[in-house]
Amino acid sequence: MLSTEAEVTETMLATLASFVCAAYSKGIYIKTISELRALRQHVLRVHIQARVWGQTSIALQDPQLDPMQNGYHKESDGQLKPTMTDALPAPQAVIEMVSCHCKTDCSSARCSCRTRNLSCTDLCQCSSDCENDEDTQSRYETDDDDDGDDM
C-alpha cells in the first residue's frame, strides 16, 4: 500500500502542477513546481491535513502519513516546523559567486553570506577562522546534538 500511496501522491502533485502552472503562467512560462518553489511543500502539508480531516469519522483509521516526508522538518528543539521549500535559494552557480569581504570570523550579521543564510565559500575573502563555513557549521551541529545528553 505504501507504493500505491506514493504513486497517488506523485500523480496528484503532477496534476496539481499542471493546473497551477497554467493558472500562474499569464505573461510568463512556468512548467514545473520547482519553478514555483514552495508550492510542493505546501501541497504535501495540505495532503496530510486533508487525510486527517477525511478520517475523523472512521473508527479504524489508516496509518497516518509521515510528516517528515510530507512538508515538515524537525527543529533542534524537537518541534515540527513547515519546510518552506527544498529548492536552493538560488542556482548553485550564483551561490558560489556570492562572497563576503569580512576581515574577521564572519560571526556577526555584517557577513553578507550569513545574512543570506548561506555558508561562506572559497570565493569569500574572510579569514581562515571563519565561523560560517560548511565545515564549522556541521561541527557546531554535531556538538549541539551532544549537548542535550549531558543534563
Protein backbone atom coordinates (compact mmCIF):
# COMPACT_ATOMS: atom_id res chain seq x y z
CA MET A 1 0.00 0.00 0.00
CA LEU A 2 2.91 2.37 0.59
CA SER A 3 3.95 2.32 -3.04
CA THR A 4 0.35 2.90 -4.08
CA GLU A 5 0.09 5.86 -1.71
CA ALA A 6 3.36 7.25 -3.08
CA GLU A 7 2.13 6.80 -6.65
CA VAL A 8 -1.15 8.54 -5.82
CA THR A 9 0.73 11.41 -4.21
CA GLU A 10 3.05 11.84 -7.20
CA THR A 11 0.12 11.70 -9.63
CA MET A 12 -1.75 14.25 -7.53
CA LEU A 13 1.31 16.53 -7.48
CA ALA A 14 1.80 16.23 -11.24
CA THR A 15 -1.84 17.08 -11.91
CA LEU A 16 -1.75 19.98 -9.49
CA ALA A 17 1.49 21.22 -11.03
CA SER A 18 -0.11 21.33 -14.47
CA PHE A 19 -3.13 23.19 -13.13
CA VAL A 20 -1.24 25.71 -11.02
CA CYS A 21 1.40 26.33 -13.68
CA ALA A 22 -1.36 27.05 -16.18
CA ALA A 23 -3.05 29.39 -13.70
CA TYR A 24 0.14 31.33 -12.94
CA SER A 25 1.62 31.42 -16.42
CA LYS A 26 -0.08 34.61 -17.58
CA GLY A 27 2.71 36.50 -19.30
CA ILE A 28 5.39 34.06 -18.12
CA TYR A 29 6.01 30.43 -18.90
CA ILE A 30 6.10 28.21 -15.81
CA LYS A 31 6.05 24.47 -16.35
CA THR A 32 7.25 22.83 -13.12
CA ILE A 33 6.52 23.07 -9.43
CA SER A 34 10.19 23.70 -8.70
CA GLU A 35 9.82 26.95 -10.57
CA LEU A 36 7.05 27.82 -8.13
CA ARG A 37 9.42 26.86 -5.28
CA ALA A 38 7.30 26.48 -2.11
CA LEU A 39 4.18 25.01 -3.67
CA ARG A 40 5.31 21.39 -3.46
CA GLN A 41 5.96 21.56 0.30
CA HIS A 42 2.64 23.32 0.88
CA VAL A 43 0.72 20.70 -1.09
CA LEU A 44 2.35 17.90 0.90
CA ARG A 45 1.26 19.56 4.17
CA VAL A 46 -2.27 20.09 2.84
CA HIS A 47 -2.39 16.39 1.86
CA ILE A 48 -1.69 15.39 5.48
CA GLN A 49 -4.37 17.76 6.79
CA ALA A 50 -6.97 16.58 4.27
CA ARG A 51 -6.24 12.97 5.15
CA VAL A 52 -6.70 13.67 8.87
CA TRP A 53 -9.97 15.51 8.26
CA GLY A 54 -11.21 12.81 5.90
CA GLN A 55 -10.75 10.13 8.55
CA THR A 56 -12.31 11.93 11.52
CA SER A 57 -15.48 9.81 11.44
CA ILE A 58 -13.72 6.49 10.76
CA ALA A 59 -13.23 4.22 13.79
CA LEU A 60 -10.20 2.32 12.42
CA GLN A 61 -8.17 4.92 10.59
CA ASP A 62 -5.47 4.21 8.04
CA PRO A 63 -1.92 4.81 9.27
CA GLN A 64 -1.05 8.49 9.22
CA LEU A 65 1.35 9.93 6.69
CA ASP A 66 4.86 10.67 7.93
CA PRO A 67 5.10 14.46 8.39
CA MET A 68 8.86 14.31 7.82
CA GLN A 69 8.20 13.05 4.28
CA ASN A 70 5.33 15.47 3.68
CA GLY A 71 6.41 19.06 4.03
CA TYR A 72 7.69 19.24 7.61
CA HIS A 73 11.07 19.11 9.35
CA LYS A 74 12.12 18.88 12.99
CA GLU A 75 13.79 21.86 14.61
CA SER A 76 16.61 21.36 17.11
CA ASP A 77 14.05 21.69 19.94
CA GLY A 78 12.09 18.72 18.55
CA GLN A 79 9.11 20.70 17.23
CA LEU A 80 7.74 20.10 13.75
CA LYS A 81 8.01 23.13 11.50
CA PRO A 82 6.82 23.54 7.91
CA THR A 83 9.51 23.25 5.24
CA MET A 84 9.03 26.26 3.03
CA THR A 85 10.99 24.88 0.09
CA ASP A 86 13.52 22.20 -0.66
CA ALA A 87 14.99 24.21 -3.52
CA LEU A 88 18.24 26.14 -3.21
CA PRO A 89 17.78 29.89 -2.58
CA ALA A 90 19.43 30.50 -5.96
CA PRO A 91 21.08 28.44 -8.70
CA GLN A 92 24.29 26.78 -7.48
CA ALA A 93 26.42 28.95 -9.79
CA VAL A 94 25.02 32.12 -8.20
CA ILE A 95 25.53 30.78 -4.68
CA GLU A 96 29.14 30.07 -5.50
CA MET A 97 29.56 33.62 -6.81
CA VAL A 98 28.25 35.25 -3.62
CA SER A 99 31.15 36.18 -1.44
CA CYS A 100 31.72 38.24 1.66
CA HIS A 101 34.56 40.63 2.31
CA CYS A 102 34.79 40.13 6.07
CA LYS A 103 38.01 40.94 7.86
CA THR A 104 37.03 38.83 10.89
CA ASP A 105 35.49 35.43 11.61
CA CYS A 106 32.05 36.02 9.99
CA SER A 107 30.25 35.61 13.32
CA SER A 108 28.24 38.84 13.08
CA ALA A 109 25.35 39.99 10.91
CA ARG A 110 27.83 42.10 8.94
CA CYS A 111 28.78 38.99 6.99
CA SER A 112 26.78 39.13 3.76
CA CYS A 113 26.80 35.34 3.45
CA ARG A 114 25.44 34.88 6.99
CA THR A 115 22.65 37.43 6.45
CA ARG A 116 21.56 35.47 3.36
CA ASN A 117 21.63 32.16 5.31
CA LEU A 118 24.48 30.91 3.13
CA SER A 119 27.78 29.35 4.14
CA CYS A 120 30.95 31.18 3.25
CA THR A 121 32.68 29.70 0.20
CA ASP A 122 36.18 29.63 -1.21
CA LEU A 123 35.39 32.88 -3.04
CA CYS A 124 34.91 34.73 0.25
CA GLN A 125 37.72 36.91 1.48
CA CYS A 126 37.17 36.11 5.15
CA SER A 127 39.85 34.83 7.46
CA SER A 128 40.79 31.20 7.97
CA ASP A 129 38.96 31.14 11.32
CA CYS A 130 35.57 31.72 9.63
CA GLU A 131 32.62 30.59 11.76
CA ASN A 132 30.22 30.49 8.81
CA ASP A 133 31.80 27.90 6.52
CA GLU A 134 30.22 24.48 5.95
CA ASP A 135 32.83 22.60 7.99
CA THR A 136 32.40 24.82 11.04
CA GLN A 137 28.59 24.76 10.83
CA SER A 138 28.47 20.96 10.63
CA ARG A 139 30.87 20.72 13.57
CA TYR A 140 28.60 23.02 15.66
CA GLU A 141 25.51 20.97 14.70
CA THR A 142 27.25 17.79 15.85
CA ASP A 143 28.35 19.47 19.09
CA ASP A 144 24.77 20.73 19.70
CA ASP A 145 23.41 17.19 19.35
CA ASP A 146 25.74 16.00 22.10
CA ASP A 147 24.91 18.89 24.49
CA GLY A 148 21.36 17.73 25.21
CA ASP A 149 22.53 14.40 26.67
CA ASP A 150 24.75 15.92 29.37
CA MET A 151 21.88 17.08 31.61
